[in-house]
Each structure stands twice: as structure tokens, then as C-alpha cells.
Amino acid sequence: GLAEVIKYGLIRDPEFLAWLEQNLERLVARDADALAYAIERSCRNKAEVVAADETEQGERALLNLGHTFGHAIETGLGYGEWLHGEAVAAGTMMAAELSRRLGWLGEAEVARVGALFERARLPVWGPLLGAERYLELMAHDKKVEAGRLRLVLLRELGRAVIHGDAQQTDIAAAIEARCR
């Protein structure tokens, strides 16, 4: 879906991100040429990441942007309440907010990400489960290593990193800031 397409621009392809900002309405309207380009570019991005990291030890984990928060939404609400892409979009907004709190993104960049998801008709706010419930659910994520939550965050738009040193208080604050 569009959440996954947008993800490729956010994690590794700033040129594609700029194209998405210019062409999102064409994608939403199912314009054949725009869809063909977005699908081809997304598939190429995924293939490059997977080929470079077949064991999911490094760069491939970047494909999980928004997924740790998103899986907490899906589990916390009960599977089927939100579509996967909806949960990933809201989760990506939480990751962007945490990236802002770490000083990597500015408010304008977080707003750009939110505007893209809103134009794609995807949620930018997570459900009010409470930060403690999110953290409890995220503690069971496959991306926890040696008791540390490894989150995919944005160093800048178009460049994601895996970050295992975020403080629980910062994660909780980012969650609370992105829930309504």
C-alpha cells in the first residue's frame, strides 16, 4: 500500500520522496503511469536492500520503519481493527516524532511526513492505548535485542538508522505526542 511506498522515500530515497510529494494525488487517483512508476521504484528499493542484507542483520531492518510502533497498535487494538498500512503510517509518525526529540528532524520535516500520509488518506495519530501499554507491547517485538528496543528512526528525510539507545521516557513522550 501507499504507507509502504512512502516508507521507501523516507528510509533511503530522497529523490523518490520528492517525487511522491509532487505526485501523491495521482497515486491516490490510481493514475496508471504514476502507479507503475511508484511500484517499480518501490520494488527496486526493496530489492536493493534485500540483496545487500539477505540475513536481516543490517540495512534490511530499515524496512521496518514504523512497524514496531505499528505492531503495537495492531496488537493493542486487536488484529483487524486497523489495516496494516494504517498502523505503519501512525507508527512512522511516532518514529518521526522520536527522531525530532533526538534532534535529528525538525518540526517542519515531521509535518512533511504527516502531510504525505494525510494526502494518502492514512492516519497520522495513533490510538490512545497509553504509552505504558505501547511500551509493554513493543517489548515483545522481534527487534528487541538483549533487552534493548532497536527502533528504525530517521536521521533525516531519506536516511533511516537503527537506534538501540533511545530512553524509555523519550519513546513514551513521542508516543503520547502522536496519539489522539
Protein backbone atom coordinates (compact mmCIF):
# COMPACT_ATOMS: atom_id res chain seq x y z
CA GLY A 1 0.00 0.00 0.00
CA LEU A 2 0.88 3.67 -0.01
CA ALA A 3 2.32 3.58 3.52
CA GLU A 4 4.98 1.12 2.33
CA VAL A 5 5.63 3.16 -0.85
CA ILE A 6 6.14 6.34 1.22
CA LYS A 7 8.43 4.37 3.55
CA TYR A 8 10.98 3.80 0.76
CA GLY A 9 11.30 7.53 0.19
CA LEU A 10 11.71 8.12 3.90
CA ILE A 11 14.31 5.43 4.61
CA ARG A 12 16.64 5.67 1.60
CA ASP A 13 15.43 7.52 -1.48
CA PRO A 14 15.07 11.30 -1.08
CA GLU A 15 14.54 11.76 -4.85
CA PHE A 16 11.59 9.37 -4.70
CA LEU A 17 10.28 11.19 -1.62
CA ALA A 18 10.31 14.46 -3.59
CA TRP A 19 8.52 12.71 -6.49
CA LEU A 20 5.88 11.40 -4.05
CA GLU A 21 5.32 14.90 -2.69
CA GLN A 22 4.68 16.10 -6.25
CA ASN A 23 2.57 13.13 -7.40
CA LEU A 24 0.67 11.72 -4.42
CA GLU A 25 -2.73 12.82 -5.70
CA ARG A 26 -2.05 10.93 -8.93
CA LEU A 27 -1.35 7.78 -6.90
CA VAL A 28 -4.49 8.21 -4.79
CA ALA A 29 -6.48 8.67 -8.02
CA ARG A 30 -4.88 5.45 -9.34
CA ASP A 31 -3.24 7.12 -12.33
CA ALA A 32 -1.71 4.18 -14.25
CA ASP A 33 1.59 5.90 -15.12
CA ALA A 34 2.13 7.18 -11.59
CA LEU A 35 1.28 3.77 -10.09
CA ALA A 36 3.62 1.97 -12.49
CA TYR A 37 6.48 4.32 -11.59
CA ALA A 38 5.85 4.12 -7.82
CA ILE A 39 5.61 0.33 -7.88
CA GLU A 40 8.76 -0.04 -9.99
CA ARG A 41 10.73 2.37 -7.79
CA SER A 42 9.49 0.72 -4.57
CA CYS A 43 10.33 -2.77 -5.86
CA ARG A 44 13.80 -1.62 -6.93
CA ASN A 45 14.40 -0.06 -3.49
CA LYS A 46 13.28 -3.23 -1.71
CA ALA A 47 15.33 -5.49 -3.99
CA GLU A 48 18.47 -3.41 -3.41
CA VAL A 49 18.00 -3.52 0.37
CA VAL A 50 17.26 -7.26 0.47
CA ALA A 51 20.15 -8.13 -1.88
CA ALA A 52 22.57 -6.14 0.28
CA ASP A 53 21.40 -7.82 3.50
CA GLU A 54 19.84 -11.25 2.99
CA THR A 55 20.08 -12.18 6.69
CA GLU A 56 18.33 -9.04 8.02
CA GLN A 57 21.27 -8.09 10.24
CA GLY A 58 21.76 -4.55 8.96
CA GLU A 59 20.18 -2.41 6.26
CA ARG A 60 17.25 -4.76 5.69
CA ALA A 61 15.98 -3.97 9.19
CA LEU A 62 15.40 -0.39 7.93
CA LEU A 63 12.37 -1.76 6.05
CA ASN A 64 10.72 -1.92 9.48
CA LEU A 65 10.29 1.88 9.78
CA GLY A 66 7.02 2.43 11.64
CA HIS A 67 6.47 -1.29 12.16
CA THR A 68 7.47 -1.61 15.84
CA PHE A 69 5.01 1.11 16.85
CA GLY A 70 2.54 -0.16 14.23
CA HIS A 71 2.58 -3.74 15.51
CA ALA A 72 1.81 -2.39 19.00
CA ILE A 73 -1.23 -0.61 17.53
CA GLU A 74 -2.39 -3.78 15.75
CA THR A 75 -1.94 -5.96 18.83
CA GLY A 76 -3.25 -3.40 21.31
CA LEU A 77 -6.46 -2.83 19.36
CA GLY A 78 -6.83 -6.42 18.18
CA TYR A 79 -5.85 -7.55 14.70
CA GLY A 80 -8.26 -6.39 12.04
CA GLU A 81 -9.28 -3.15 13.78
CA TRP A 82 -6.72 -1.19 11.75
CA LEU A 83 -5.27 -2.16 8.39
CA HIS A 84 -1.53 -2.89 8.45
CA GLY A 85 -0.76 0.20 6.34
CA GLU A 86 -2.77 2.41 8.69
CA ALA A 87 -0.82 1.12 11.69
CA VAL A 88 2.50 1.56 9.85
CA ALA A 89 1.61 5.16 8.92
CA ALA A 90 0.72 6.11 12.51
CA GLY A 91 3.79 4.19 13.73
CA THR A 92 6.00 6.05 11.28
CA MET A 93 4.70 9.32 12.70
CA MET A 94 5.72 8.13 16.19
CA ALA A 95 9.18 7.24 14.84
CA ALA A 96 9.42 10.67 13.17
CA GLU A 97 8.42 12.35 16.44
CA LEU A 98 11.06 10.39 18.36
CA SER A 99 13.60 11.38 15.69
CA ARG A 100 12.60 15.01 16.29
CA ARG A 101 13.02 14.61 20.04
CA LEU A 102 16.52 13.22 19.43
CA GLY A 103 17.37 16.34 17.42
CA TRP A 104 17.56 14.60 14.04
CA LEU A 105 14.42 16.04 12.41
CA GLY A 106 12.86 19.44 12.76
CA GLU A 107 9.16 20.11 13.23
CA ALA A 108 8.89 21.05 9.55
CA GLU A 109 10.18 17.62 8.49
CA VAL A 110 7.77 15.80 10.80
CA ALA A 111 4.99 17.94 9.30
CA ARG A 112 6.12 16.96 5.77
CA VAL A 113 5.86 13.27 6.66
CA GLY A 114 2.43 13.83 8.19
CA ALA A 115 1.22 15.77 5.17
CA LEU A 116 2.20 12.90 2.87
CA PHE A 117 0.30 10.35 4.94
CA GLU A 118 -2.73 12.64 5.23
CA ARG A 119 -2.77 13.18 1.46
CA ALA A 120 -2.62 9.38 1.10
CA ARG A 121 -5.66 9.21 3.43
CA LEU A 122 -3.70 7.38 6.11
CA PRO A 123 -3.83 8.10 9.85
CA VAL A 124 -1.16 10.28 11.40
CA TRP A 125 -2.32 9.78 15.00
CA GLY A 126 -2.18 6.52 16.91
CA PRO A 127 -5.00 5.29 19.13
CA LEU A 128 -4.97 6.22 22.80
CA LEU A 129 -3.71 2.97 24.33
CA GLY A 130 -1.44 4.76 26.80
CA ALA A 131 2.34 4.93 26.47
CA GLU A 132 2.84 2.17 29.05
CA ARG A 133 0.70 -0.24 27.01
CA TYR A 134 2.60 0.62 23.82
CA LEU A 135 5.93 0.04 25.58
CA GLU A 136 4.71 -3.26 27.03
CA LEU A 137 3.62 -4.46 23.57
CA MET A 138 6.81 -3.20 21.92
CA ALA A 139 8.94 -5.10 24.46
CA HIS A 140 7.77 -8.32 22.80
CA ASP A 141 8.82 -7.17 19.32
CA LYS A 142 11.31 -9.27 17.35
CA LYS A 143 13.54 -6.20 17.16
CA VAL A 144 14.35 -6.33 20.88
CA GLU A 145 17.96 -7.42 21.39
CA ALA A 146 19.47 -8.07 24.82
CA GLY A 147 16.53 -6.26 26.39
CA ARG A 148 17.02 -3.15 24.22
CA LEU A 149 14.41 -1.99 21.77
CA ARG A 150 16.02 -1.41 18.35
CA LEU A 151 13.95 1.22 16.56
CA VAL A 152 14.20 2.39 12.97
CA LEU A 153 14.37 6.18 13.13
CA LEU A 154 15.06 8.98 10.66
CA ARG A 155 18.41 10.78 10.82
CA GLU A 156 16.98 12.94 8.03
CA LEU A 157 14.27 12.51 5.44
CA GLY A 158 15.63 9.90 3.06
CA ARG A 159 18.05 8.32 5.58
CA ALA A 160 16.98 5.90 8.28
CA VAL A 161 19.11 4.34 11.02
CA ILE A 162 18.67 1.59 13.58
CA HIS A 163 18.82 3.10 17.05
CA GLY A 164 19.03 0.98 20.19
CA ASP A 165 19.76 3.68 22.74
CA ALA A 166 16.51 5.64 22.95
CA GLN A 167 15.38 6.27 26.51
CA GLN A 168 12.01 4.84 27.56
CA THR A 169 10.93 8.33 28.64
CA ASP A 170 11.67 9.73 25.17
CA ILE A 171 9.87 6.84 23.46
CA ALA A 172 6.86 7.31 25.77
CA ALA A 173 6.81 11.07 25.13
CA ALA A 174 6.89 10.51 21.35
CA ILE A 175 4.01 8.03 21.62
CA GLU A 176 1.92 10.37 23.76
CA ALA A 177 2.59 13.26 21.36
CA ARG A 178 1.30 11.24 18.39
CA CYS A 179 -1.87 9.73 19.91
CA ARG A 180 -5.39 11.13 19.95
